[in-house]
Amino acid sequence: MSEKTFVAVAKTADVPAGGKIVVEVEGTSIVLCNTKDRIFAVRNLCSHAYETLECGRVRNGWISCPVHGARFDLETGQPMNPPATMPIDTFEVRIAGDTIEVAV
């Protein structure tokens, strides 16, 4: 198994509590979400309708798809309600000083 590579993607100030931003890492669109005193990183793609999640609501550790309302756990990527049945991709996050890094 190869060693994870962490890539600096944003500053912690870029993602205030309750906020989210979209970053691109090696051609993959990723949403960074700040909720539950943590930064989470998920692929910017709903597993149900393949719509982007960047306009979805973020609350208490989940993000919702703005099209059909499917919610996903930001830590595991697991769907929390229909119509989604498949998980979304999640990425490991670490904070180095004031820099947010995502594992790719």
C-alpha atoms as a PDB file:
ATOM      1  CA  MET A   1       0.000   0.000   0.000  1.00  0.00           C
ATOM      2  CA  SER A   2       1.396   3.366  -0.962  1.00  0.00           C
ATOM      3  CA  GLU A   3       2.024   6.164   1.509  1.00  0.00           C
ATOM      4  CA  LYS A   4      -0.694   8.822   1.581  1.00  0.00           C
ATOM      5  CA  THR A   5       0.267  12.158   0.148  1.00  0.00           C
ATOM      6  CA  PHE A   6      -1.233  15.199   1.826  1.00  0.00           C
ATOM      7  CA  VAL A   7      -1.810  18.268  -0.338  1.00  0.00           C
ATOM      8  CA  ALA A   8      -2.303  21.782   1.066  1.00  0.00           C
ATOM      9  CA  VAL A   9      -5.680  22.995  -0.203  1.00  0.00           C
ATOM     10  CA  ALA A  10      -6.787  25.980   1.908  1.00  0.00           C
ATOM     11  CA  LYS A  11      -6.273  28.004   5.082  1.00  0.00           C
ATOM     12  CA  THR A  12      -8.404  27.282   8.129  1.00  0.00           C
ATOM     13  CA  ALA A  13      -9.730  30.869   7.932  1.00  0.00           C
ATOM     14  CA  ASP A  14     -11.148  30.031   4.463  1.00  0.00           C
ATOM     15  CA  VAL A  15     -13.655  27.599   6.000  1.00  0.00           C
ATOM     16  CA  PRO A  16     -15.377  29.240   9.003  1.00  0.00           C
ATOM     17  CA  ALA A  17     -17.579  27.209  11.367  1.00  0.00           C
ATOM     18  CA  GLY A  18     -20.680  26.096   9.487  1.00  0.00           C
ATOM     19  CA  GLY A  19     -19.082  27.020   6.163  1.00  0.00           C
ATOM     20  CA  LYS A  20     -17.805  25.145   3.148  1.00  0.00           C
ATOM     21  CA  ILE A  21     -15.632  25.770   0.116  1.00  0.00           C
ATOM     22  CA  VAL A  22     -14.773  23.831  -3.023  1.00  0.00           C
ATOM     23  CA  VAL A  23     -11.160  23.008  -3.831  1.00  0.00           C
ATOM     24  CA  GLU A  24      -9.627  20.979  -6.625  1.00  0.00           C
ATOM     25  CA  VAL A  25      -7.003  18.328  -5.914  1.00  0.00           C
ATOM     26  CA  GLU A  26      -5.392  16.523  -8.843  1.00  0.00           C
ATOM     27  CA  GLY A  27      -8.482  17.007 -10.998  1.00  0.00           C
ATOM     28  CA  THR A  28     -10.979  16.023  -8.278  1.00  0.00           C
ATOM     29  CA  SER A  29     -13.515  18.554  -7.003  1.00  0.00           C
ATOM     30  CA  ILE A  30     -13.656  18.339  -3.191  1.00  0.00           C
ATOM     31  CA  VAL A  31     -15.931  20.142  -0.723  1.00  0.00           C
ATOM     32  CA  LEU A  32     -14.322  21.149   2.577  1.00  0.00           C
ATOM     33  CA  CYS A  33     -16.946  21.467   5.329  1.00  0.00           C
ATOM     34  CA  ASN A  34     -16.473  22.901   8.808  1.00  0.00           C
ATOM     35  CA  THR A  35     -18.974  21.329  11.198  1.00  0.00           C
ATOM     36  CA  LYS A  36     -18.830  19.748  14.654  1.00  0.00           C
ATOM     37  CA  ASP A  37     -15.518  21.578  15.284  1.00  0.00           C
ATOM     38  CA  ARG A  38     -13.833  19.665  12.463  1.00  0.00           C
ATOM     39  CA  ILE A  39     -12.947  20.052   8.817  1.00  0.00           C
ATOM     40  CA  PHE A  40     -14.275  17.265   6.598  1.00  0.00           C
ATOM     41  CA  ALA A  41     -13.462  16.630   2.932  1.00  0.00           C
ATOM     42  CA  VAL A  42     -15.803  14.835   0.523  1.00  0.00           C
ATOM     43  CA  ARG A  43     -15.976  14.465  -3.246  1.00  0.00           C
ATOM     44  CA  ASN A  44     -18.198  17.171  -4.723  1.00  0.00           C
ATOM     45  CA  LEU A  45     -20.554  14.598  -6.246  1.00  0.00           C
ATOM     46  CA  CYS A  46     -23.793  13.053  -5.004  1.00  0.00           C
ATOM     47  CA  SER A  47     -23.791   9.257  -5.378  1.00  0.00           C
ATOM     48  CA  HIS A  48     -27.479   9.276  -6.307  1.00  0.00           C
ATOM     49  CA  ALA A  49     -27.943  11.777  -9.126  1.00  0.00           C
ATOM     50  CA  TYR A  50     -24.299  12.759  -9.738  1.00  0.00           C
ATOM     51  CA  GLU A  51     -25.080  16.372  -8.931  1.00  0.00           C
ATOM     52  CA  THR A  52     -22.546  18.590  -7.170  1.00  0.00           C
ATOM     53  CA  LEU A  53     -22.869  18.919  -3.408  1.00  0.00           C
ATOM     54  CA  GLU A  54     -21.296  22.382  -3.127  1.00  0.00           C
ATOM     55  CA  CYS A  55     -24.703  24.094  -2.785  1.00  0.00           C
ATOM     56  CA  GLY A  56     -25.993  21.569  -0.252  1.00  0.00           C
ATOM     57  CA  ARG A  57     -26.667  22.361   3.407  1.00  0.00           C
ATOM     58  CA  VAL A  58     -24.086  21.392   6.013  1.00  0.00           C
ATOM     59  CA  ARG A  59     -25.357  20.643   9.531  1.00  0.00           C
ATOM     60  CA  ASN A  60     -24.165  18.547  12.493  1.00  0.00           C
ATOM     61  CA  GLY A  61     -21.717  16.410  10.529  1.00  0.00           C
ATOM     62  CA  TRP A  62     -23.723  15.889   7.336  1.00  0.00           C
ATOM     63  CA  ILE A  63     -24.113  17.475   3.904  1.00  0.00           C
ATOM     64  CA  SER A  64     -27.276  17.322   1.818  1.00  0.00           C
ATOM     65  CA  CYS A  65     -27.629  17.109  -1.926  1.00  0.00           C
ATOM     66  CA  PRO A  66     -29.426  20.255  -3.102  1.00  0.00           C
ATOM     67  CA  VAL A  67     -31.329  18.347  -5.814  1.00  0.00           C
ATOM     68  CA  HIS A  68     -33.126  15.505  -4.024  1.00  0.00           C
ATOM     69  CA  GLY A  69     -32.252  16.135  -0.363  1.00  0.00           C
ATOM     70  CA  ALA A  70     -30.192  13.004   0.246  1.00  0.00           C
ATOM     71  CA  ARG A  71     -27.940  13.508   3.260  1.00  0.00           C
ATOM     72  CA  PHE A  72     -24.474  12.024   3.717  1.00  0.00           C
ATOM     73  CA  ASP A  73     -22.380  11.537   6.854  1.00  0.00           C
ATOM     74  CA  LEU A  74     -19.275  13.689   6.320  1.00  0.00           C
ATOM     75  CA  GLU A  75     -17.034  11.314   8.265  1.00  0.00           C
ATOM     76  CA  THR A  76     -17.999   8.023   6.608  1.00  0.00           C
ATOM     77  CA  GLY A  77     -19.662   9.186   3.388  1.00  0.00           C
ATOM     78  CA  GLN A  78     -22.615   6.883   4.147  1.00  0.00           C
ATOM     79  CA  PRO A  79     -26.077   7.948   2.955  1.00  0.00           C
ATOM     80  CA  MET A  80     -28.425   8.871   5.812  1.00  0.00           C
ATOM     81  CA  ASN A  81     -31.721   8.875   3.908  1.00  0.00           C
ATOM     82  CA  PRO A  82     -33.225   8.053   0.472  1.00  0.00           C
ATOM     83  CA  PRO A  83     -33.019   8.456  -2.408  1.00  0.00           C
ATOM     84  CA  ALA A  84     -29.250   7.884  -2.020  1.00  0.00           C
ATOM     85  CA  THR A  85     -28.131   4.315  -1.326  1.00  0.00           C
ATOM     86  CA  MET A  86     -24.416   4.496  -2.160  1.00  0.00           C
ATOM     87  CA  PRO A  87     -21.785   6.346  -0.085  1.00  0.00           C
ATOM     88  CA  ILE A  88     -19.849   9.368  -1.327  1.00  0.00           C
ATOM     89  CA  ASP A  89     -16.048   9.514  -1.312  1.00  0.00           C
ATOM     90  CA  THR A  90     -14.396  10.980   1.771  1.00  0.00           C
ATOM     91  CA  PHE A  91     -10.825  12.171   2.163  1.00  0.00           C
ATOM     92  CA  GLU A  92      -8.575  12.245   5.211  1.00  0.00           C
ATOM     93  CA  VAL A  93      -7.914  15.779   6.463  1.00  0.00           C
ATOM     94  CA  ARG A  94      -5.134  17.121   8.639  1.00  0.00           C
ATOM     95  CA  ILE A  95      -4.413  20.608   9.873  1.00  0.00           C
ATOM     96  CA  ALA A  96      -0.814  21.843   9.777  1.00  0.00           C
ATOM     97  CA  GLY A  97      -0.670  25.205  11.547  1.00  0.00           C
ATOM     98  CA  ASP A  98      -3.343  27.206   9.724  1.00  0.00           C
ATOM     99  CA  THR A  99      -3.231  25.081   6.568  1.00  0.00           C
ATOM    100  CA  ILE A 100      -5.808  22.435   5.644  1.00  0.00           C
ATOM    101  CA  GLU A 101      -4.292  19.398   3.959  1.00  0.00           C
ATOM    102  CA  VAL A 102      -6.185  16.586   2.215  1.00  0.00           C
ATOM    103  CA  ALA A 103      -4.870  13.059   1.586  1.00  0.00           C
ATOM    104  CA  VAL A 104      -4.939  11.955  -2.036  1.00  0.00           C
END
